[in-house]
C-alpha atoms as a PDB file:
ATOM      1  CA  MET A   1      24.492 -71.400 -70.717  1.00  0.00           C
ATOM      2  CA  LYS A   2      21.645 -74.194 -72.229  1.00  0.00           C
ATOM      3  CA  PHE A   3      23.362 -73.368 -75.101  1.00  0.00           C
ATOM      4  CA  ALA A   4      27.003 -74.578 -74.236  1.00  0.00           C
ATOM      5  CA  ARG A   5      25.075 -77.180 -72.349  1.00  0.00           C
ATOM      6  CA  GLU A   6      23.722 -77.885 -75.955  1.00  0.00           C
ATOM      7  CA  LEU A   7      27.005 -77.797 -77.533  1.00  0.00           C
ATOM      8  CA  ALA A   8      28.378 -80.723 -75.567  1.00  0.00           C
ATOM      9  CA  GLU A   9      25.870 -83.200 -75.643  1.00  0.00           C
ATOM     10  CA  PRO A  10      26.760 -86.470 -76.750  1.00  0.00           C
ATOM     11  CA  TRP A  11      24.209 -86.570 -79.650  1.00  0.00           C
ATOM     12  CA  GLY A  12      25.096 -83.527 -81.312  1.00  0.00           C
ATOM     13  CA  LEU A  13      28.401 -84.669 -80.479  1.00  0.00           C
ATOM     14  CA  LEU A  14      28.087 -87.584 -83.106  1.00  0.00           C
ATOM     15  CA  LEU A  15      25.803 -85.464 -85.224  1.00  0.00           C
ATOM     16  CA  ALA A  16      28.782 -83.610 -86.194  1.00  0.00           C
ATOM     17  CA  ALA A  17      30.964 -86.150 -86.809  1.00  0.00           C
ATOM     18  CA  THR A  18      28.989 -88.099 -88.586  1.00  0.00           C
ATOM     19  CA  SER A  19      28.296 -85.388 -91.310  1.00  0.00           C
ATOM     20  CA  ALA A  20      32.110 -84.919 -91.206  1.00  0.00           C
ATOM     21  CA  GLY A  21      32.805 -87.944 -92.055  1.00  0.00           C
ATOM     22  CA  VAL A  22      30.611 -88.011 -94.293  1.00  0.00           C
ATOM     23  CA  ALA A  23      32.160 -84.757 -96.041  1.00  0.00           C
ATOM     24  CA  TRP A  24      35.641 -85.730 -96.360  1.00  0.00           C
ATOM     25  CA  ALA A  25      34.219 -89.784 -97.537  1.00  0.00           C
ATOM     26  CA  VAL A  26      33.191 -88.167-100.581  1.00  0.00           C
ATOM     27  CA  GLN A  27      36.489 -86.742-100.492  1.00  0.00           C
ATOM     28  CA  LEU A  28      35.297 -83.516 -99.733  1.00  0.00           C
ATOM     29  CA  PRO A  29      38.902 -81.031 -98.327  1.00  0.00           C
ATOM     30  CA  VAL A  30      39.539 -81.662 -94.718  1.00  0.00           C
ATOM     31  CA  LEU A  31      39.059 -78.179 -93.445  1.00  0.00           C
ATOM     32  CA  VAL A  32      35.622 -78.058 -95.289  1.00  0.00           C
ATOM     33  CA  ALA A  33      34.918 -81.788 -93.562  1.00  0.00           C
ATOM     34  CA  VAL A  34      35.535 -80.164 -90.543  1.00  0.00           C
ATOM     35  CA  LEU A  35      33.531 -77.248 -90.611  1.00  0.00           C
ATOM     36  CA  ILE A  36      30.842 -78.709 -91.914  1.00  0.00           C
ATOM     37  CA  GLY A  37      30.483 -80.942 -88.151  1.00  0.00           C
ATOM     38  CA  VAL A  38      31.008 -78.009 -87.016  1.00  0.00           C
ATOM     39  CA  ALA A  39      28.291 -76.212 -88.699  1.00  0.00           C
ATOM     40  CA  VAL A  40      26.152 -78.936 -87.948  1.00  0.00           C
ATOM     41  CA  LEU A  41      26.849 -79.031 -84.121  1.00  0.00           C
ATOM     42  CA  LEU A  42      25.887 -75.066 -84.429  1.00  0.00           C
ATOM     43  CA  ALA A  43      22.892 -75.690 -85.591  1.00  0.00           C
ATOM     44  CA  ARG A  44      21.744 -78.996 -83.773  1.00  0.00           C
ATOM     45  CA  ALA A  45      22.814 -77.057 -80.481  1.00  0.00           C
ATOM     46  CA  GLY A  46      20.427 -73.994 -81.245  1.00  0.00           C
ATOM     47  CA  VAL A  47      17.668 -75.529 -82.627  1.00  0.00           C
ATOM     48  CA  ALA A  48      17.566 -77.772 -78.800  1.00  0.00           C
ATOM     49  CA  SER A  49      18.450 -75.231 -76.813  1.00  0.00           C
ATOM     50  CA  VAL A  50      15.443 -72.444 -77.696  1.00  0.00           C
ATOM     51  CA  GLY A  51      13.205 -75.750 -78.393  1.00  0.00           C
ATOM     52  CA  ARG A  52      13.449 -76.715 -74.504  1.00  0.00           C
ATOM     53  CA  GLU A  53      13.231 -72.769 -73.640  1.00  0.00           C
ATOM     54  CA  ARG A  54       9.607 -72.817 -74.185  1.00  0.00           C
ATOM     55  CA  ALA A  55       7.249 -72.981 -71.283  1.00  0.00           C
ATOM     56  CA  PRO A  56       4.917 -75.661 -71.809  1.00  0.00           C
ATOM     57  CA  GLU A  57       1.369 -73.862 -72.662  1.00  0.00           C
ATOM     58  CA  PRO A  58      -0.561 -73.177 -69.278  1.00  0.00           C
ATOM     59  CA  ARG A  59      -4.399 -75.495 -69.881  1.00  0.00           C
ATOM     60  CA  ALA A  60      -7.171 -73.381 -69.662  1.00  0.00           C
ATOM     61  CA  ALA A  61      -9.481 -74.170 -66.818  1.00  0.00           C
ATOM     62  CA  ARG A  62     -12.387 -76.000 -67.721  1.00  0.00           C
ATOM     63  CA  VAL A  63     -15.609 -74.700 -67.271  1.00  0.00           C
ATOM     64  CA  LEU A  64     -18.641 -77.562 -67.801  1.00  0.00           C
ATOM     65  CA  ASP A  65     -22.093 -76.730 -69.734  1.00  0.00           C
ATOM     66  CA  VAL A  66     -24.742 -75.003 -67.584  1.00  0.00           C
ATOM     67  CA  ALA A  67     -27.261 -77.151 -68.640  1.00  0.00           C
ATOM     68  CA  ALA A  68     -30.899 -74.530 -69.512  1.00  0.00           C
ATOM     69  CA  GLY A  69     -32.948 -73.960 -67.066  1.00  0.00           C
ATOM     70  CA  SER A  70     -32.159 -75.484 -64.073  1.00  0.00           C
ATOM     71  CA  ASP A  71     -31.898 -73.604 -60.425  1.00  0.00           C
ATOM     72  CA  GLU A  72     -27.978 -73.081 -61.245  1.00  0.00           C
ATOM     73  CA  GLU A  73     -28.523 -71.281 -64.372  1.00  0.00           C
ATOM     74  CA  ASN A  74     -31.066 -69.341 -62.175  1.00  0.00           C
ATOM     75  CA  TRP A  75     -28.349 -68.676 -59.715  1.00  0.00           C
ATOM     76  CA  LEU A  76     -25.714 -67.914 -62.552  1.00  0.00           C
ATOM     77  CA  HIS A  77     -27.902 -65.600 -63.971  1.00  0.00           C
ATOM     78  CA  ARG A  78     -28.171 -64.116 -60.403  1.00  0.00           C
ATOM     79  CA  ALA A  79     -24.820 -63.078 -60.119  1.00  0.00           C
ATOM     80  CA  GLU A  80     -23.699 -62.459 -63.998  1.00  0.00           C
ATOM     81  CA  GLY A  81     -26.366 -59.698 -63.006  1.00  0.00           C
ATOM     82  CA  ALA A  82     -25.308 -58.587 -59.226  1.00  0.00           C
ATOM     83  CA  ALA A  83     -21.426 -58.548 -61.143  1.00  0.00           C
ATOM     84  CA  GLY A  84     -22.307 -56.426 -63.922  1.00  0.00           C
ATOM     85  CA  GLY A  85     -24.054 -53.792 -61.653  1.00  0.00           C
ATOM     86  CA  PHE A  86     -20.887 -53.827 -59.329  1.00  0.00           C
ATOM     87  CA  ALA A  87     -19.055 -53.226 -62.475  1.00  0.00           C
ATOM     88  CA  SER A  88     -21.582 -50.345 -63.821  1.00  0.00           C
ATOM     89  CA  LEU A  89     -21.406 -48.670 -60.409  1.00  0.00           C
ATOM     90  CA  SER A  90     -18.129 -48.946 -59.470  1.00  0.00           C
ATOM     91  CA  SER A  91     -17.685 -46.987 -63.375  1.00  0.00           C
ATOM     92  CA  SER A  92     -20.437 -44.082 -62.202  1.00  0.00           C
ATOM     93  CA  LEU A  93     -18.700 -43.307 -59.205  1.00  0.00           C
ATOM     94  CA  ASP A  94     -16.488 -39.831 -59.247  1.00  0.00           C
ATOM     95  CA  PRO A  95     -12.862 -40.218 -58.212  1.00  0.00           C
ATOM     96  CA  GLY A  96     -12.320 -40.626 -54.690  1.00  0.00           C
ATOM     97  CA  PRO A  97     -11.090 -42.921 -52.073  1.00  0.00           C
ATOM     98  CA  LEU A  98     -14.529 -44.660 -52.446  1.00  0.00           C
ATOM     99  CA  ALA A  99     -13.880 -44.858 -56.084  1.00  0.00           C
ATOM    100  CA  ASP A 100     -10.625 -46.298 -55.373  1.00  0.00           C
ATOM    101  CA  ARG A 101     -11.935 -49.200 -53.104  1.00  0.00           C
ATOM    102  CA  VAL A 102     -14.320 -50.242 -54.887  1.00  0.00           C
ATOM    103  CA  ALA A 103     -11.943 -50.418 -58.434  1.00  0.00           C
ATOM    104  CA  GLU A 104      -9.647 -52.154 -56.020  1.00  0.00           C
ATOM    105  CA  MET A 105     -12.662 -54.930 -55.693  1.00  0.00           C
ATOM    106  CA  THR A 106     -13.609 -55.288 -59.174  1.00  0.00           C
ATOM    107  CA  PRO A 107     -10.816 -57.837 -60.328  1.00  0.00           C
ATOM    108  CA  VAL A 108     -12.117 -59.898 -57.062  1.00  0.00           C
ATOM    109  CA  VAL A 109     -15.628 -59.565 -58.315  1.00  0.00           C
ATOM    110  CA  ARG A 110     -14.361 -61.006 -61.449  1.00  0.00           C
ATOM    111  CA  GLU A 111     -12.760 -63.758 -59.745  1.00  0.00           C
ATOM    112  CA  THR A 112     -16.102 -64.710 -57.484  1.00  0.00           C
ATOM    113  CA  LEU A 113     -17.819 -64.516 -60.810  1.00  0.00           C
ATOM    114  CA  SER A 114     -15.942 -66.980 -62.098  1.00  0.00           C
ATOM    115  CA  THR A 115     -15.801 -69.813 -59.794  1.00  0.00           C
ATOM    116  CA  LEU A 116     -19.296 -69.525 -59.471  1.00  0.00           C
ATOM    117  CA  ARG A 117     -19.395 -70.289 -63.040  1.00  0.00           C
ATOM    118  CA  ARG A 118     -17.048 -73.286 -62.469  1.00  0.00           C
ATOM    119  CA  LEU A 119     -19.885 -74.089 -60.099  1.00  0.00           C
ATOM    120  CA  ALA A 120     -22.665 -74.087 -61.494  1.00  0.00           C
ATOM    121  CA  GLY A 121     -20.846 -76.307 -64.324  1.00  0.00           C
ATOM    122  CA  ARG A 122     -20.217 -78.434 -61.166  1.00  0.00           C
ATOM    123  CA  ALA A 123     -23.671 -78.650 -59.919  1.00  0.00           C
ATOM    124  CA  SER A 124     -25.535 -79.420 -63.771  1.00  0.00           C
ATOM    125  CA  ALA A 125     -22.721 -82.818 -64.176  1.00  0.00           C
ATOM    126  CA  THR A 126     -23.677 -83.728 -60.881  1.00  0.00           C
ATOM    127  CA  GLY A 127     -27.101 -83.614 -61.846  1.00  0.00           C
ATOM    128  CA  LYS A 128     -27.114 -85.997 -64.720  1.00  0.00           C
ATOM    129  CA  ALA A 129     -24.842 -87.991 -63.001  1.00  0.00           C
ATOM    130  CA  LEU A 130     -27.735 -88.843 -60.849  1.00  0.00           C
ATOM    131  CA  SER A 131     -29.978 -88.854 -62.895  1.00  0.00           C
ATOM    132  CA  ARG A 132     -28.345 -92.228 -64.163  1.00  0.00           C
ATOM    133  CA  VAL A 133     -28.885 -93.871 -61.243  1.00  0.00           C
ATOM    134  CA  ASP A 134     -32.203 -95.461 -60.258  1.00  0.00           C
ATOM    135  CA  LEU A 135     -32.131 -94.785 -56.902  1.00  0.00           C
ATOM    136  CA  ASP A 136     -36.442 -96.829 -56.557  1.00  0.00           C
ATOM    137  CA  ALA A 137     -34.494 -99.316 -58.678  1.00  0.00           C
ATOM    138  CA  VAL A 138     -31.612 -99.926 -56.488  1.00  0.00           C
ATOM    139  CA  ALA A 139     -33.887 -99.944 -53.040  1.00  0.00           C
ATOM    140  CA  ARG A 140     -35.335-102.824 -54.282  1.00  0.00           C
ATOM    141  CA  GLU A 141     -32.407-104.723 -56.349  1.00  0.00           C
ATOM    142  CA  ARG A 142     -30.800-103.993 -52.355  1.00  0.00           C
ATOM    143  CA  ARG A 143     -33.906-105.780 -50.697  1.00  0.00           C
ATOM    144  CA  ARG A 144     -34.565-108.200 -52.986  1.00  0.00           C
ATOM    145  CA  LEU A 145     -30.785-109.368 -52.584  1.00  0.00           C
ATOM    146  CA  GLU A 146     -30.849-108.549 -48.497  1.00  0.00           C
ATOM    147  CA  GLN A 147     -34.301-111.573 -48.912  1.00  0.00           C
ATOM    148  CA  SER A 148     -32.478-113.764 -51.203  1.00  0.00           C
ATOM    149  CA  LEU A 149     -29.640-114.374 -48.552  1.00  0.00           C
ATOM    150  CA  SER A 150     -31.139-114.361 -45.885  1.00  0.00           C
ATOM    151  CA  SER A 151     -32.026-117.538 -46.697  1.00  0.00           C
ATOM    152  CA  ALA A 152     -28.858-118.695 -49.167  1.00  0.00           C
ATOM    153  CA  GLY A 153     -26.393-121.451 -49.420  1.00  0.00           C
ATOM    154  CA  GLU A 154     -23.278-121.526 -48.898  1.00  0.00           C
ATOM    155  CA  GLU A 155     -22.335-122.318 -52.938  1.00  0.00           C
ATOM    156  CA  VAL A 156     -24.028-119.033 -53.838  1.00  0.00           C
ATOM    157  CA  ARG A 157     -23.958-116.745 -50.791  1.00  0.00           C
ATOM    158  CA  GLY A 158     -20.195-115.615 -51.983  1.00  0.00           C
ATOM    159  CA  ASP A 159     -21.567-114.441 -55.727  1.00  0.00           C
ATOM    160  CA  LEU A 160     -25.202-112.849 -54.047  1.00  0.00           C
ATOM    161  CA  GLU A 161     -22.415-111.463 -50.888  1.00  0.00           C
ATOM    162  CA  GLN A 162     -20.771-109.652 -54.067  1.00  0.00           C
ATOM    163  CA  ALA A 163     -23.854-108.192 -55.746  1.00  0.00           C
ATOM    164  CA  LEU A 164     -25.094-106.733 -52.788  1.00  0.00           C
ATOM    165  CA  THR A 165     -21.799-104.703 -52.611  1.00  0.00           C
ATOM    166  CA  ALA A 166     -22.134-103.541 -55.939  1.00  0.00           C
ATOM    167  CA  VAL A 167     -25.501-102.280 -55.304  1.00  0.00           C
ATOM    168  CA  ARG A 168     -24.854-100.793 -51.931  1.00  0.00           C
ATOM    169  CA  ALA A 169     -22.059 -99.359 -54.312  1.00  0.00           C
ATOM    170  CA  GLN A 170     -24.719 -97.552 -56.370  1.00  0.00           C
ATOM    171  CA  ALA A 171     -26.560 -96.294 -53.669  1.00  0.00           C
ATOM    172  CA  ASP A 172     -23.591 -94.806 -51.292  1.00  0.00           C
ATOM    173  CA  VAL A 173     -22.561 -92.950 -54.928  1.00  0.00           C
ATOM    174  CA  HIS A 174     -26.289 -91.294 -54.798  1.00  0.00           C
ATOM    175  CA  ALA A 175     -25.613 -89.727 -51.852  1.00  0.00           C
ATOM    176  CA  ARG A 176     -22.456 -88.473 -51.968  1.00  0.00           C
ATOM    177  CA  LEU A 177     -23.497 -86.525 -55.420  1.00  0.00           C
ATOM    178  CA  SER A 178     -27.079 -85.530 -53.859  1.00  0.00           C
ATOM    179  CA  ALA A 179     -25.069 -83.560 -51.064  1.00  0.00           C
ATOM    180  CA  ALA A 180     -22.217 -82.309 -53.510  1.00  0.00           C
ATOM    181  CA  ARG A 181     -25.229 -81.077 -55.781  1.00  0.00           C
ATOM    182  CA  GLU A 182     -26.859 -79.529 -52.471  1.00  0.00           C
ATOM    183  CA  LYS A 183     -24.005 -77.822 -51.586  1.00  0.00           C
ATOM    184  CA  LEU A 184     -23.361 -76.447 -54.664  1.00  0.00           C
ATOM    185  CA  LEU A 185     -26.628 -75.094 -55.360  1.00  0.00           C
ATOM    186  CA  ALA A 186     -26.508 -73.715 -51.601  1.00  0.00           C
ATOM    187  CA  GLN A 187     -22.807 -71.989 -52.509  1.00  0.00           C
ATOM    188  CA  LEU A 188     -24.066 -70.347 -55.813  1.00  0.00           C
ATOM    189  CA  GLN A 189     -27.300 -69.526 -53.407  1.00  0.00           C
ATOM    190  CA  SER A 190     -25.404 -67.780 -51.481  1.00  0.00           C
ATOM    191  CA  GLY A 191     -22.549 -65.965 -53.998  1.00  0.00           C
ATOM    192  CA  ALA A 192     -25.771 -64.411 -55.912  1.00  0.00           C
ATOM    193  CA  LEU A 193     -27.915 -62.965 -53.344  1.00  0.00           C
ATOM    194  CA  GLY A 194     -24.137 -61.943 -51.807  1.00  0.00           C
ATOM    195  CA  LEU A 195     -22.841 -60.028 -54.584  1.00  0.00           C
ATOM    196  CA  ASP A 196     -26.740 -58.593 -55.114  1.00  0.00           C
ATOM    197  CA  SER A 197     -25.765 -57.986 -51.559  1.00  0.00           C
ATOM    198  CA  LEU A 198     -22.698 -55.880 -52.048  1.00  0.00           C
ATOM    199  CA  VAL A 199     -23.756 -54.300 -54.214  1.00  0.00           C
ATOM    200  CA  ALA A 200     -26.621 -52.495 -52.441  1.00  0.00           C
ATOM    201  CA  ARG A 201     -24.812 -51.816 -50.874  1.00  0.00           C
ATOM    202  CA  VAL A 202     -22.263 -49.724 -52.470  1.00  0.00           C
ATOM    203  CA  ALA A 203     -25.811 -48.016 -53.754  1.00  0.00           C
ATOM    204  CA  GLU A 204     -26.256 -46.674 -50.829  1.00  0.00           C
ATOM    205  CA  LEU A 205     -22.420 -45.379 -49.797  1.00  0.00           C
ATOM    206  CA  THR A 206     -22.382 -44.179 -52.972  1.00  0.00           C
ATOM    207  CA  ALA A 207     -25.918 -42.010 -52.716  1.00  0.00           C
ATOM    208  CA  ALA A 208     -24.554 -41.307 -49.521  1.00  0.00           C
ATOM    209  CA  THR A 209     -20.714 -40.135 -49.632  1.00  0.00           C
ATOM    210  CA  THR A 210     -19.509 -36.877 -50.855  1.00  0.00           C
ATOM    211  CA  ASP A 211     -15.948 -36.012 -51.650  1.00  0.00           C
ATOM    212  CA  VAL A 212     -15.159 -35.045 -48.118  1.00  0.00           C
ATOM    213  CA  ALA A 213     -16.425 -37.659 -45.845  1.00  0.00           C
ATOM    214  CA  VAL A 214     -16.091 -41.336 -46.933  1.00  0.00           C
ATOM    215  CA  ASP A 215     -17.099 -44.040 -44.123  1.00  0.00           C
ATOM    216  CA  THR A 216     -13.959 -45.813 -44.006  1.00  0.00           C
ATOM    217  CA  GLY A 217     -15.536 -48.624 -41.938  1.00  0.00           C
ATOM    218  CA  ALA A 218     -18.305 -49.588 -44.263  1.00  0.00           C
ATOM    219  CA  VAL A 219     -16.030 -49.186 -46.992  1.00  0.00           C
ATOM    220  CA  ARG A 220     -13.542 -51.754 -44.701  1.00  0.00           C
ATOM    221  CA  GLU A 221     -16.586 -53.829 -44.759  1.00  0.00           C
ATOM    222  CA  LEU A 222     -17.677 -54.205 -48.303  1.00  0.00           C
ATOM    223  CA  SER A 223     -13.830 -55.516 -49.213  1.00  0.00           C
ATOM    224  CA  ASP A 224     -14.749 -58.030 -45.812  1.00  0.00           C
ATOM    225  CA  GLN A 225     -18.212 -59.086 -47.595  1.00  0.00           C
ATOM    226  CA  LEU A 226     -16.606 -59.977 -50.741  1.00  0.00           C
ATOM    227  CA  GLU A 227     -13.866 -61.708 -49.122  1.00  0.00           C
ATOM    228  CA  GLY A 228     -16.210 -63.355 -47.650  1.00  0.00           C
ATOM    229  CA  ILE A 229     -17.931 -64.344 -50.496  1.00  0.00           C
ATOM    230  CA  ARG A 230     -15.059 -65.405 -52.440  1.00  0.00           C
ATOM    231  CA  GLN A 231     -13.449 -68.024 -49.718  1.00  0.00           C
ATOM    232  CA  GLY A 232     -16.767 -69.479 -49.244  1.00  0.00           C
ATOM    233  CA  VAL A 233     -17.432 -70.442 -53.596  1.00  0.00           C
ATOM    234  CA  LEU A 234     -13.656 -71.360 -52.960  1.00  0.00           C
ATOM    235  CA  GLU A 235     -14.088 -73.622 -50.673  1.00  0.00           C
ATOM    236  CA  THR A 236     -16.765 -75.031 -51.899  1.00  0.00           C
ATOM    237  CA  GLU A 237     -15.161 -75.941 -55.680  1.00  0.00           C
ATOM    238  CA  GLN A 238     -12.689 -77.200 -53.688  1.00  0.00           C
ATOM    239  CA  ALA A 239     -14.958 -79.615 -51.391  1.00  0.00           C
ATOM    240  CA  THR A 240     -17.071 -81.254 -54.539  1.00  0.00           C
ATOM    241  CA  ARG A 241     -14.013 -81.437 -56.373  1.00  0.00           C
ATOM    242  CA  LYS A 242     -13.086 -84.795 -54.527  1.00  0.00           C
ATOM    243  CA  PRO A 243     -16.978 -86.559 -54.923  1.00  0.00           C
ATOM    244  CA  LEU A 244     -17.224 -85.615 -58.666  1.00  0.00           C
ATOM    245  CA  GLY A 245     -14.165 -87.227 -59.874  1.00  0.00           C
END
């Protein structure tokens, strides 16, 4: 269908007619000129249809750098260690219901860890942005402008009010970024400790479970616990995306 549409495309028909006309103008036989026009039309339609069928490659999600030695890096390492422990436990389980359920949870653990990596990068980016705003200097400038406004004449009041608005905007940005960073760090901590707890529970079930006796309620609790962790980190990522622009 796409190839047929390209054959009927006006620019293709014009190109084919032009090519045939040039061939006829140089005194090639009419049949040869027609065949050249047809060949040009078919070639152009084929190239166009193939090119348009190619879907654009999806852009990879950007992962920001995590500041070395930062709180977010420490919590990310904690989460990575927990995810590694979960994978190790999963591979060591004997075939059975528990092994099957843990294997089903493995992709969710990886997804959760990927989200935590993005949150850690966002936390570092937020910290870097915060370092560019000298809150003490902003507070001093705000007090100075407020004092100046209290005794300013009408000829300068408008300029001073604009300056004060700009200073207040800096303070507001700092407050929003501070709140976002606190939320990111809290979720990183919660996610890392949650994965740690999950690994401990899997290890406990592994030690207490036999091939013929599986505590289905406990296994279901594991899945619920992991889903809660996953939802928490996703919600935090969505909630902090807007403040970070």
